[in-house]
Protein backbone atom coordinates (compact mmCIF):
# COMPACT_ATOMS: atom_id res chain seq x y z
CA CYS A 1 31.89 -28.72 14.13
CA HIS A 2 31.64 -28.57 10.37
CA THR A 3 34.96 -27.50 8.84
CA MET A 4 34.80 -28.51 5.17
CA GLN A 5 32.22 -29.17 2.50
CA SER A 6 31.85 -32.27 0.41
CA PRO A 7 30.81 -31.80 -3.22
CA ASP A 8 27.35 -33.20 -2.35
CA ILE A 9 26.79 -30.60 0.39
CA GLU A 10 28.08 -27.82 -1.82
CA SER A 11 25.72 -28.84 -4.61
CA LEU A 12 22.75 -29.23 -2.28
CA LEU A 13 23.34 -25.82 -0.70
CA LYS A 14 23.72 -24.11 -4.06
CA SER A 15 20.45 -25.64 -5.27
CA ALA A 16 18.64 -24.61 -2.08
CA VAL A 17 19.91 -21.03 -2.36
CA SER A 18 18.82 -20.89 -6.00
CA SER A 19 15.30 -22.02 -5.03
CA HIS A 20 15.25 -19.52 -2.18
CA GLN A 21 16.23 -16.62 -4.44
CA ALA A 22 13.53 -17.62 -6.93
CA GLY A 23 10.86 -17.60 -4.20
CA ARG A 24 10.38 -21.38 -4.24
CA LEU A 25 10.36 -21.62 -0.47
CA ASP A 26 9.14 -25.22 -0.17
CA ALA A 27 11.98 -26.46 -2.38
CA ALA A 28 14.50 -24.26 -0.54
CA GLU A 29 13.37 -25.60 2.83
CA LYS A 30 13.82 -29.19 1.69
CA GLY A 31 17.26 -28.28 0.33
CA TYR A 32 18.46 -26.72 3.60
CA GLN A 33 17.08 -29.67 5.55
CA SER A 34 18.99 -32.05 3.27
CA VAL A 35 22.24 -30.17 3.91
CA LEU A 36 21.67 -30.18 7.66
CA ALA A 37 20.82 -33.89 7.63
CA ILE A 38 24.36 -34.49 6.36
CA ALA A 39 26.11 -31.68 8.27
CA ALA A 40 24.00 -30.59 11.24
CA ASP A 41 26.50 -27.86 12.16
CA HIS A 42 26.75 -26.17 8.78
CA PRO A 43 26.62 -22.46 9.76
CA HIS A 44 25.58 -21.07 6.37
CA ALA A 45 22.77 -23.59 5.96
CA LEU A 46 21.56 -22.82 9.50
CA ASN A 47 21.65 -19.09 8.83
CA LEU A 48 19.83 -19.31 5.50
CA PHE A 49 17.25 -21.72 6.87
CA GLY A 50 16.69 -19.19 9.64
CA VAL A 51 16.16 -16.43 7.06
CA LEU A 52 13.61 -18.61 5.28
CA GLN A 53 11.74 -19.27 8.54
CA HIS A 54 11.72 -15.52 9.19
CA GLN A 55 10.18 -14.96 5.75
CA ARG A 56 7.47 -17.42 6.73
CA ARG A 57 6.91 -15.56 10.01
CA ARG A 58 8.19 -18.47 12.07
CA ASN A 59 10.49 -16.18 13.97
CA SER A 60 11.05 -18.27 17.10
CA GLU A 61 12.38 -21.12 14.95
CA ALA A 62 14.37 -18.60 12.89
CA LEU A 63 16.08 -17.20 15.99
CA GLN A 64 17.13 -20.66 17.18
CA LEU A 65 18.66 -21.51 13.81
CA ILE A 66 20.54 -18.22 13.44
CA ASP A 67 21.80 -18.36 17.05
CA ARG A 68 23.25 -21.80 16.28
CA ALA A 69 24.91 -20.38 13.16
CA ILE A 70 26.45 -17.52 15.18
CA ALA A 71 27.76 -19.90 17.84
CA LEU A 72 29.53 -21.85 15.09
CA SER A 73 30.78 -18.79 13.16
CA PRO A 74 30.84 -15.71 15.45
CA GLU A 75 32.95 -13.74 12.97
CA SER A 76 30.15 -13.77 10.35
CA TRP A 77 28.58 -10.34 10.77
CA GLU A 78 25.89 -11.16 8.19
CA PHE A 79 24.44 -13.63 10.68
CA PHE A 80 24.12 -10.87 13.27
CA CYS A 81 22.29 -8.68 10.79
CA ASN A 82 19.81 -11.46 10.08
CA ARG A 83 19.43 -12.07 13.82
CA SER A 84 18.55 -8.41 14.34
CA LEU A 85 15.76 -8.64 11.76
CA VAL A 86 14.29 -11.65 13.55
CA LEU A 87 14.51 -9.97 16.97
CA HIS A 88 12.81 -6.92 15.49
CA ALA A 89 10.01 -9.09 14.10
CA LEU A 90 9.60 -10.66 17.57
CA GLY A 91 9.13 -7.23 19.09
CA ARG A 92 12.55 -7.24 20.73
CA GLY A 93 13.84 -4.14 18.96
CA ASP A 94 16.05 -2.92 21.82
CA GLU A 95 17.90 -6.25 21.85
CA ALA A 96 18.36 -6.08 18.10
CA ILE A 97 19.83 -2.58 18.33
CA ALA A 98 22.15 -3.49 21.22
CA SER A 99 23.37 -6.58 19.37
CA LEU A 100 24.19 -4.59 16.23
CA ARG A 101 25.92 -1.82 18.16
CA GLU A 102 28.26 -4.47 19.54
CA VAL A 103 28.96 -5.85 16.07
CA THR A 104 29.64 -2.42 14.53
CA GLY A 105 32.36 -1.94 17.11
CA LYS A 106 34.11 -5.10 15.97
CA THR A 107 33.93 -4.89 12.18
CA GLY A 108 34.63 -2.22 9.62
CA GLU A 109 32.04 -3.69 7.25
CA ALA A 110 29.15 -1.43 6.23
CA GLY A 111 26.38 -4.01 6.60
CA PRO A 112 25.90 -3.88 10.38
CA SER A 113 25.90 -0.07 10.44
CA LEU A 114 23.33 0.07 7.64
CA GLU A 115 21.13 -2.42 9.43
CA LEU A 116 21.55 -0.56 12.74
CA ALA A 117 20.52 2.71 11.07
CA PHE A 118 17.40 0.99 9.69
CA LEU A 119 16.39 -0.30 13.13
CA LEU A 120 17.01 3.05 14.80
CA GLU A 121 14.92 4.80 12.16
CA ASP A 122 12.11 2.28 12.60
CA ALA A 123 12.22 2.93 16.36
CA GLY A 124 11.80 6.66 15.72
CA ARG A 125 15.39 7.43 16.67
CA LYS A 126 16.29 9.13 13.40
CA GLU A 127 18.97 11.44 14.79
CA GLU A 128 20.84 8.43 16.18
CA ALA A 129 20.53 6.72 12.80
CA VAL A 130 22.07 9.81 11.17
CA GLU A 131 24.98 9.63 13.64
CA VAL A 132 25.58 5.94 12.82
CA LEU A 133 25.69 6.61 9.08
CA THR A 134 27.85 9.71 9.49
CA ARG A 135 30.44 7.66 11.43
CA LEU A 136 30.32 4.96 8.78
CA LEU A 137 30.94 7.50 6.01
CA GLU A 138 33.90 8.98 7.86
CA ASN A 139 35.56 5.57 7.48
CA LYS A 140 33.99 4.56 4.17
CA PRO A 141 33.25 7.71 2.14
CA GLY A 142 32.66 5.64 -0.97
CA GLU A 143 29.77 3.63 0.54
CA ASP A 144 26.92 4.65 -1.76
CA ARG A 145 24.27 2.77 0.23
CA ALA A 146 25.10 4.83 3.31
CA TRP A 147 24.85 8.11 1.38
CA SER A 148 21.50 7.03 -0.05
CA ARG A 149 20.15 5.98 3.35
CA LEU A 150 21.46 9.17 4.93
CA GLY A 151 19.71 11.23 2.27
CA SER A 152 16.41 9.50 3.01
CA LEU A 153 16.80 10.05 6.76
CA LEU A 154 17.64 13.72 6.37
CA HIS A 155 14.68 14.03 4.00
CA GLY A 156 12.42 12.65 6.75
CA LEU A 157 13.88 15.12 9.24
CA GLY A 158 13.17 18.04 6.92
CA ARG A 159 16.85 18.85 6.43
CA LEU A 160 16.40 19.12 2.69
CA ASP A 161 19.65 20.83 1.66
CA GLU A 162 21.72 18.21 3.48
CA ALA A 163 19.47 15.47 2.12
CA GLU A 164 19.98 16.61 -1.45
CA ARG A 165 23.77 16.71 -1.02
CA ALA A 166 23.76 13.16 0.35
CA CYS A 167 21.49 11.92 -2.46
CA ARG A 168 23.64 13.58 -5.12
CA LYS A 169 26.72 11.91 -3.65
CA ALA A 170 24.96 8.55 -3.88
CA CYS A 171 24.11 9.27 -7.53
CA GLU A 172 27.76 10.06 -8.28
CA LEU A 173 28.95 6.84 -6.63
CA ALA A 174 26.24 4.51 -7.95
CA PRO A 175 24.83 5.80 -11.25
CA SER A 176 23.63 2.29 -12.11
CA ARG A 177 21.29 2.10 -9.10
CA PRO A 178 17.85 3.57 -9.90
CA GLU A 179 16.87 3.99 -6.26
CA VAL A 180 19.49 6.70 -5.67
CA PHE A 181 17.94 8.92 -8.35
CA ASN A 182 14.51 8.09 -6.93
CA ASN A 183 15.55 9.29 -3.46
CA LEU A 184 16.88 12.49 -5.00
CA SER A 185 13.57 13.01 -6.80
CA SER A 186 11.64 12.70 -3.52
CA VAL A 187 13.81 15.33 -1.85
CA GLN A 188 13.48 17.73 -4.78
CA ARG A 189 9.70 17.30 -4.86
CA LEU A 190 9.39 18.11 -1.17
CA ALA A 191 11.57 21.17 -1.73
CA GLY A 192 9.13 22.33 -4.43
CA ARG A 193 11.58 21.88 -7.32
CA LEU A 194 9.17 19.90 -9.44
CA GLU A 195 11.02 20.01 -12.77
CA ASP A 196 14.16 18.67 -11.05
CA ALA A 197 12.08 16.03 -9.30
CA GLU A 198 10.57 14.91 -12.58
CA SER A 199 14.02 14.81 -14.23
CA SER A 200 15.51 12.70 -11.42
CA ALA A 201 12.59 10.26 -11.51
CA ARG A 202 13.04 9.90 -15.28
CA GLN A 203 16.74 9.19 -14.69
CA ALA A 204 15.79 6.38 -12.32
CA ILE A 205 13.51 4.91 -15.00
CA ALA A 206 16.21 5.34 -17.66
CA VAL A 207 18.55 3.24 -15.52
CA ARG A 208 15.93 0.52 -15.17
CA ARG A 209 12.72 0.67 -17.16
CA ASP A 210 10.97 -1.86 -14.90
CA PHE A 211 11.67 0.13 -11.69
CA ALA A 212 8.13 0.53 -10.34
CA SER A 213 9.09 2.98 -7.59
CA GLY A 214 10.57 5.29 -10.22
CA TRP A 215 7.24 5.40 -12.05
CA ASP A 216 5.52 6.07 -8.72
CA ASN A 217 7.82 8.98 -8.00
CA LEU A 218 7.38 10.33 -11.51
CA GLY A 219 3.62 10.21 -10.95
CA GLN A 220 3.97 12.09 -7.67
CA ALA A 221 6.09 14.80 -9.31
CA LEU A 222 3.65 15.17 -12.22
CA MET A 223 0.69 15.29 -9.82
CA ALA A 224 2.36 18.05 -7.79
CA GLY A 225 2.87 19.95 -11.03
CA GLY A 226 -0.76 19.54 -12.08
CA ASP A 227 -0.15 17.15 -15.01
CA ILE A 228 -3.10 14.84 -14.27
CA PRO A 229 -3.01 12.73 -17.49
CA GLY A 230 0.76 12.24 -17.16
CA MET A 231 0.39 11.34 -13.49
CA PHE A 232 -2.17 8.62 -14.23
CA GLU A 233 0.00 7.15 -16.99
CA ALA A 234 3.00 6.96 -14.65
CA PHE A 235 1.00 5.36 -11.84
CA LYS A 236 -0.49 2.88 -14.32
CA MET A 237 3.00 1.80 -15.40
CA ALA A 238 4.00 1.25 -11.75
CA ALA A 239 0.91 -0.88 -11.18
CA VAL A 240 1.46 -2.98 -14.31
CA LEU A 241 4.99 -3.75 -13.11
CA ARG A 242 3.86 -4.67 -9.60
CA HIS A 243 0.88 -6.77 -10.66
CA PRO A 244 1.95 -8.70 -13.77
CA VAL A 245 -0.36 -11.09 -15.55
CA GLU A 246 2.27 -13.85 -15.37
CA GLY A 247 5.26 -14.78 -13.23
CA PRO A 248 5.90 -16.51 -9.89
CA MET A 249 3.58 -15.80 -6.99
CA PRO A 250 5.64 -13.96 -4.35
CA PRO A 251 5.62 -14.95 -0.67
CA ARG A 252 2.83 -13.15 1.16
CA PRO A 253 1.00 -13.16 4.51
CA LYS A 254 -2.30 -14.89 5.07
CA PRO A 255 -5.02 -13.24 2.95
CA ARG A 256 -8.18 -12.33 4.82
CA LEU A 257 -11.46 -14.12 4.39
CA ALA A 258 -13.31 -11.09 2.99
CA ARG A 259 -10.67 -10.71 0.26
CA LEU A 260 -10.88 -14.39 -0.71
CA ARG A 261 -14.67 -14.33 -0.73
CA HIS A 262 -14.68 -11.22 -2.94
CA ASP A 263 -12.16 -12.72 -5.34
CA ARG A 264 -14.21 -15.89 -5.73
CA GLU A 265 -17.33 -13.86 -6.54
CA GLN A 266 -15.43 -11.61 -8.93
CA ILE A 267 -13.85 -14.50 -10.82
CA GLU A 268 -17.24 -16.13 -11.28
CA TYR A 269 -18.71 -12.83 -12.48
CA LEU A 270 -15.86 -12.26 -14.95
CA ILE A 271 -16.19 -15.79 -16.37
CA GLU A 272 -19.91 -15.23 -16.84
CA ALA A 273 -19.23 -11.86 -18.50
CA GLY A 274 -16.70 -13.43 -20.87
CA LEU A 275 -13.78 -11.41 -19.46
CA LEU A 276 -11.95 -14.48 -18.09
CA ASP A 277 -11.83 -17.89 -19.72
CA ARG A 278 -13.46 -20.86 -18.07
CA SER A 279 -10.14 -22.33 -16.94
CA PHE A 280 -10.30 -19.83 -14.05
CA LYS A 281 -13.22 -21.85 -12.67
CA ALA A 282 -10.63 -23.95 -10.86
CA CYS A 283 -9.48 -20.80 -9.03
CA ALA A 284 -13.04 -20.07 -7.92
CA GLN A 285 -13.50 -23.65 -6.73
CA ALA A 286 -10.27 -23.54 -4.74
CA LEU A 287 -11.34 -20.25 -3.16
CA GLN A 288 -14.71 -21.73 -2.25
CA ALA A 289 -13.00 -24.59 -0.42
CA ILE A 290 -10.67 -22.19 1.39
CA CYS A 291 -13.54 -19.96 2.49
CA GLN A 292 -15.53 -22.91 3.79
CA ARG A 293 -12.73 -24.02 6.10
CA ALA A 294 -11.93 -20.51 7.39
CA PRO A 295 -12.33 -20.17 11.18
CA LEU A 296 -15.37 -18.14 12.23
CA ASP A 297 -15.19 -17.99 15.99
CA GLY A 298 -15.72 -15.11 18.42
CA ASP A 299 -14.97 -11.71 16.93
CA GLN A 300 -13.02 -13.17 14.02
CA LEU A 301 -15.39 -12.01 11.30
CA ASN A 302 -12.53 -11.51 8.86
CA PRO A 303 -9.69 -13.85 9.86
CA GLY A 304 -6.50 -14.45 7.96
CA VAL A 305 -6.59 -17.81 6.18
CA GLN A 306 -3.61 -20.09 5.69
CA ILE A 307 -3.18 -21.16 2.07
CA PHE A 308 -1.90 -24.71 1.66
CA PRO A 309 0.87 -25.42 -0.89
CA ALA A 310 -1.49 -27.43 -3.11
CA GLU A 311 -3.80 -24.41 -3.34
CA GLN A 312 -1.05 -21.96 -4.25
CA GLU A 313 -0.99 -23.08 -7.87
CA HIS A 314 -4.65 -22.15 -8.38
CA LEU A 315 -4.40 -18.84 -6.53
CA ALA A 316 -1.17 -17.88 -8.29
CA ARG A 317 -3.07 -17.43 -11.54
CA TYR A 318 -5.03 -14.44 -10.29
CA TYR A 319 -3.95 -13.24 -6.82
CA ASN A 320 -2.69 -9.64 -6.98
CA ARG A 321 -2.62 -9.76 -10.77
CA MET A 322 -4.06 -7.10 -13.06
CA LEU A 323 -5.86 -9.57 -15.29
CA VAL A 324 -8.64 -7.15 -16.19
CA ASN A 325 -8.51 -3.34 -16.10
CA GLN A 326 -11.77 -2.39 -17.76
CA PRO A 327 -11.32 0.41 -20.35
CA VAL A 328 -13.71 3.32 -19.75
CA PRO A 329 -13.73 6.10 -22.37
CA ALA A 330 -14.20 9.78 -21.62
CA ILE A 331 -17.72 11.08 -22.23
CA SER A 332 -18.45 13.60 -24.93
CA GLY A 333 -19.49 16.93 -23.43
CA GLY A 334 -18.30 16.03 -19.94
CA ALA A 335 -19.10 13.47 -17.23
CA LEU A 336 -21.10 15.72 -14.87
CA ASN A 337 -24.86 16.16 -15.12
CA PRO A 338 -25.35 19.30 -17.29
CA ASP A 339 -28.57 20.20 -15.43
CA LEU A 340 -26.84 20.80 -12.08
CA ASP A 341 -27.07 24.30 -10.62
CA MET A 342 -23.39 24.83 -9.96
CA GLU A 343 -23.90 28.27 -8.37
CA ALA A 344 -26.37 26.88 -5.83
CA ILE A 345 -24.06 23.96 -5.03
CA GLN A 346 -21.17 26.32 -4.31
CA ARG A 347 -23.32 28.70 -2.22
CA THR A 348 -24.58 25.84 -0.05
CA PHE A 349 -21.05 24.62 0.58
CA LEU A 350 -19.56 28.03 1.31
CA ASP A 351 -22.42 29.31 3.48
CA ARG A 352 -22.01 26.55 6.04
CA GLU A 353 -19.67 26.92 9.01
CA ALA A 354 -18.80 23.24 8.53
CA PRO A 355 -18.70 23.18 4.72
CA TYR A 356 -20.45 20.31 2.93
CA VAL A 357 -23.05 19.86 0.22
CA VAL A 358 -25.12 16.88 -0.99
CA VAL A 359 -25.71 16.63 -4.74
CA ASP A 360 -28.02 14.00 -6.24
CA ASP A 361 -27.71 12.81 -9.85
CA PHE A 362 -24.18 14.21 -9.86
CA LEU A 363 -22.91 12.35 -12.93
CA LYS A 364 -24.48 11.56 -16.26
CA PRO A 365 -26.17 8.12 -16.23
CA THR A 366 -23.58 6.76 -18.66
CA ALA A 367 -20.71 7.94 -16.45
CA ILE A 368 -22.05 6.42 -13.23
CA GLU A 369 -22.82 3.13 -14.98
CA HIS A 370 -19.30 2.97 -16.43
CA LEU A 371 -17.71 3.61 -13.03
CA TYR A 372 -19.87 0.96 -11.34
CA ARG A 373 -19.00 -1.56 -14.03
CA TYR A 374 -15.31 -0.65 -13.75
CA GLY A 375 -15.37 -1.59 -10.07
CA MET A 376 -17.19 -4.83 -10.86
CA CYS A 377 -14.85 -5.95 -13.63
CA SER A 378 -11.37 -4.65 -12.83
CA THR A 379 -9.02 -6.92 -10.85
CA VAL A 380 -7.21 -4.02 -9.20
CA PHE A 381 -8.56 -4.28 -5.63
CA PHE A 382 -5.31 -5.30 -3.96
CA LYS A 383 -5.55 -3.57 -0.57
CA GLU A 384 -7.61 -5.30 2.13
CA TYR A 385 -8.71 -3.91 5.48
CA ASN A 386 -9.51 -5.76 8.69
CA ASN A 387 -13.14 -4.66 8.54
CA GLY A 388 -13.69 -6.26 5.14
CA TYR A 389 -13.23 -3.27 2.83
CA LEU A 390 -11.19 -3.63 -0.33
CA THR A 391 -9.80 -0.67 -2.18
CA THR A 392 -7.99 0.29 -5.35
CA LYS A 393 -5.98 3.51 -5.62
CA MET A 394 -4.21 5.30 -8.43
CA THR A 395 -0.93 3.51 -7.68
CA ASP A 396 -2.76 0.14 -7.86
CA GLY A 397 -3.84 0.68 -11.45
CA PHE A 398 -7.11 2.57 -10.81
CA TYR A 399 -7.20 4.35 -14.14
CA SER A 400 -9.52 5.17 -17.02
CA ASP A 401 -10.01 7.98 -19.49
CA LEU A 402 -13.31 8.76 -17.76
CA LEU A 403 -11.53 9.13 -14.41
CA VAL A 404 -8.91 11.45 -15.92
CA GLN A 405 -11.75 13.53 -17.39
CA MET A 406 -13.78 13.66 -14.16
CA VAL A 407 -11.04 14.61 -11.75
CA GLN A 408 -10.27 17.67 -13.87
CA GLU A 409 -13.87 18.57 -14.71
CA ILE A 410 -15.15 18.65 -11.10
CA PRO A 411 -12.90 21.49 -9.83
CA GLU A 412 -13.29 23.36 -13.12
CA ARG A 413 -17.09 23.35 -12.74
CA LEU A 414 -16.99 24.20 -9.01
CA PRO A 415 -14.14 26.73 -8.64
CA GLY A 416 -15.69 28.36 -5.56
CA ILE A 417 -15.23 25.10 -3.63
CA PHE A 418 -11.93 23.90 -5.01
CA ALA A 419 -10.09 27.15 -5.87
CA ASP A 420 -6.69 26.01 -7.14
CA SER A 421 -6.71 22.64 -5.36
CA THR A 422 -5.52 19.75 -7.51
CA LEU A 423 -6.10 16.04 -7.16
CA LYS A 424 -4.10 14.28 -4.43
CA GLU A 425 -5.67 10.82 -4.32
CA ALA A 426 -8.48 8.75 -5.83
CA TRP A 427 -9.86 5.38 -4.79
CA ILE A 428 -12.83 3.06 -4.94
CA PHE A 429 -13.90 1.25 -1.79
CA LYS A 430 -15.80 -1.98 -2.24
CA CYS A 431 -17.32 -3.60 0.81
CA ASP A 432 -19.11 -6.67 2.05
CA SER A 433 -22.27 -5.87 4.03
CA ARG A 434 -21.33 -8.55 6.55
CA MET A 435 -18.43 -6.43 7.76
CA LYS A 436 -18.08 -3.36 9.97
CA ALA A 437 -18.15 0.11 8.42
CA LEU A 438 -15.24 2.58 8.55
CA ASP A 439 -14.62 4.28 11.89
CA THR A 440 -14.70 8.02 12.48
CA HIS A 441 -11.75 9.84 10.93
CA ALA A 442 -10.66 12.90 8.95
CA ASP A 443 -8.58 12.96 5.77
CA PHE A 444 -5.29 14.54 4.71
CA ALA A 445 -6.66 16.87 2.03
CA ALA A 446 -8.66 20.09 1.59
CA VAL A 447 -11.83 18.79 -0.11
CA ASN A 448 -13.37 15.30 -0.30
CA VAL A 449 -15.70 14.21 -3.08
CA ASN A 450 -17.57 11.00 -2.29
CA ILE A 451 -19.77 9.43 -5.01
CA TRP A 452 -21.84 6.26 -4.47
CA LEU A 453 -21.80 3.91 -7.45
CA THR A 454 -23.89 0.80 -6.71
CA PRO A 455 -27.57 0.90 -7.81
CA ASP A 456 -30.11 1.61 -5.05
CA ALA A 457 -31.79 -1.78 -5.53
CA ALA A 458 -28.76 -3.35 -3.81
CA ASN A 459 -29.36 -1.38 -0.60
CA ALA A 460 -31.72 -3.25 1.75
CA ASP A 461 -32.12 -0.21 4.05
CA PRO A 462 -32.40 3.21 2.35
CA GLU A 463 -31.99 4.93 5.75
CA SER A 464 -28.41 3.72 6.05
CA GLY A 465 -25.32 2.90 3.99
CA GLY A 466 -24.05 6.45 3.59
CA LEU A 467 -21.86 8.76 5.69
CA THR A 468 -22.25 10.52 9.00
CA ILE A 469 -20.47 13.87 8.93
CA PHE A 470 -19.74 15.95 12.03
CA ASP A 471 -19.57 19.72 12.28
CA LYS A 472 -16.16 19.59 13.97
CA ALA A 473 -12.82 19.48 12.17
CA ALA A 474 -9.67 17.75 13.35
CA PRO A 475 -7.60 20.09 15.55
CA GLU A 476 -4.72 21.64 13.64
CA ASP A 477 -2.09 20.31 16.04
CA TRP A 478 -3.19 16.67 15.69
CA SER A 479 -0.97 14.30 13.73
CA PHE A 480 -2.28 12.35 10.73
CA GLU A 481 -2.35 9.16 12.79
CA SER A 482 -4.38 10.91 15.52
CA TYR A 483 -7.13 12.30 13.26
CA ASN A 484 -7.18 9.36 10.84
CA SER A 485 -7.05 6.29 13.08
CA ARG A 486 -7.19 7.13 16.83
CA SER A 487 -10.89 6.42 17.36
CA ASP A 488 -10.56 6.82 21.14
CA MET A 489 -9.15 10.36 20.88
CA ILE A 490 -11.66 11.31 18.21
CA ALA A 491 -14.68 10.07 20.19
CA GLN A 492 -13.55 11.98 23.29
CA TYR A 493 -12.96 15.16 21.28
CA LEU A 494 -16.36 15.00 19.55
CA GLU A 495 -18.14 14.45 22.87
CA GLU A 496 -16.32 17.23 24.70
CA SER A 497 -16.80 19.71 21.84
CA GLY A 498 -20.53 18.99 21.54
CA ALA A 499 -20.24 17.97 17.90
CA ALA A 500 -23.46 17.62 15.91
CA ALA A 501 -23.87 14.84 13.36
CA ARG A 502 -25.58 14.96 9.97
CA HIS A 503 -26.55 11.62 8.44
CA VAL A 504 -26.31 11.48 4.66
CA HIS A 505 -27.88 8.20 3.60
CA TYR A 506 -26.77 6.14 0.61
CA ARG A 507 -28.20 6.96 -2.80
CA HIS A 508 -26.91 5.83 -6.18
CA ASN A 509 -25.17 8.69 -8.00
CA ARG A 510 -25.26 10.92 -4.89
CA ALA A 511 -22.17 13.04 -4.27
CA LEU A 512 -21.19 14.34 -0.86
CA ILE A 513 -18.62 17.12 -1.11
CA PHE A 514 -17.11 18.31 2.18
CA ARG A 515 -14.10 19.83 3.88
CA SER A 516 -11.66 16.93 4.37
CA SER A 517 -10.76 17.96 7.92
CA LEU A 518 -14.35 17.37 9.12
CA PHE A 519 -14.69 14.13 11.05
CA HIS A 520 -16.85 11.57 9.28
CA ARG A 521 -17.64 7.86 9.33
CA SER A 522 -19.57 5.29 7.35
CA GLU A 523 -23.13 4.48 8.36
CA ALA A 524 -24.10 0.88 9.04
CA ILE A 525 -24.28 -1.13 5.83
CA HIS A 526 -27.25 -3.38 5.00
CA PHE A 527 -26.79 -4.29 1.37
CA ASN A 528 -28.18 -7.46 -0.20
CA ASP A 529 -25.98 -10.50 -0.75
CA GLY A 530 -24.41 -11.13 -4.15
CA TYR A 531 -21.46 -9.71 -6.01
CA ARG A 532 -23.48 -7.14 -7.98
CA ASN A 533 -24.83 -5.77 -4.70
CA ARG A 534 -21.51 -4.90 -3.09
CA ARG A 535 -21.44 -1.28 -1.98
CA GLN A 536 -18.97 0.76 -4.04
CA ASN A 537 -17.98 4.35 -3.46
CA LEU A 538 -15.57 6.58 -5.35
CA THR A 539 -13.56 9.05 -3.28
CA LEU A 540 -11.49 11.93 -4.66
CA LEU A 541 -9.20 14.03 -2.46
CA TYR A 542 -8.11 17.50 -3.55
CA GLY A 543 -5.57 19.95 -2.15
CA HIS A 544 -3.74 20.05 1.16
CA ARG A 545 -5.33 19.99 4.59
CA GLN A 546 -6.30 23.48 5.76
């Protein structure tokens, strides 16, 4: 077995690790292979090569490499931690937990216990994870990572006083780590101490200005306190940090075909509009080639597509980057149509047992045009769904002065519907008519506002493209997962309860305002081909589920 390193091996390994840490996985792989070609039984090279394979989702190969490393160096507890991650990724979570329990009994190091607590939490065994961390802290009371993790676990269990004590201890021990102040902020926000939550989030940002999660938490605290402009500014900062214009392209899973097709169309549109320079044409051409080779067999309407190394350079220029975030000014005198009968709108909503109201020409023409153009131009649609939808949310950089104006103006003009409910979420969905619409679900708020943005000329079938809303709400004892994504449970419930459906077809500048707990789904979509014809809808969620 390998017992000593030559200078060449040492240099090769150091170079490979440097490439690995910088995200240059191809170079790192070649480096580890070079080390192993000289010293096939080099345990650290085997372990790190296994980690790299795990990052590339080649977990069977990763497990073989790390098992070899452990056989050569069984005292290296770090190898066992990496092995547990691979087993977890392979769906062998019980094995991973058992393996780490054995290691924690043999070493006083914190790493295995921290990893074991993570796996137990992921398996839903939070109380056991608390026990593991408590035992660790009895032996290592100065382990700040354990206090921080314990605080997060207790937070999730609703034990807020204990959680705050643990988080404060982590802050005392590690004042240079922004995440410990961020965890404290989350606990304080859940406890309703919003000024403290804001202060702790600002401390996290003071420690590290580029800490995106700190800006997120600050936004959440400001939103809970009703500071809508401040919330949007904080979320925008988080998005700018996560989606920089320049920098290395991070490792990522296979993007889906619908996302790649959208991005090609958007790039071409932005070049034509003068918002991207013509050098981005190479990106569009690369995307065209990728889309043409994508598999389209069976039910795989939106498959993941492997990106070859030679294509990465082109895609790295735009993928998940906020290259354009179209400025949209607020509108003088308000964004809503001044001719709307607000009293009649509120009466219609409140007089229904299943509250909803349809409002045509909801926004001023300038406002709806600006929102539609924002969705066309802004490269902030980072989230992709299996059914072909793309979305941008506030934490993705969905922001404009018009949006800030609207989300405050709507509840102010319709107080009978919204009462004191404040904004909880905002997004734009953009979809490809070749894909399946959203399934039946309910949302996690009190009131939904849905506004359709794309001009009617794009809709090939005016008797479709909107929403079907049912007169039955999600049962109060259902979990979020049950009422938001369990289509089998929902279908059975709607059938057994004799739910009636109302079809609200797509119309440009039509708003559908309804109680968020009512089950609803998208109608079939038959929009014309072409980027300008993609169906866009703006959704605003207000208040807490009732």
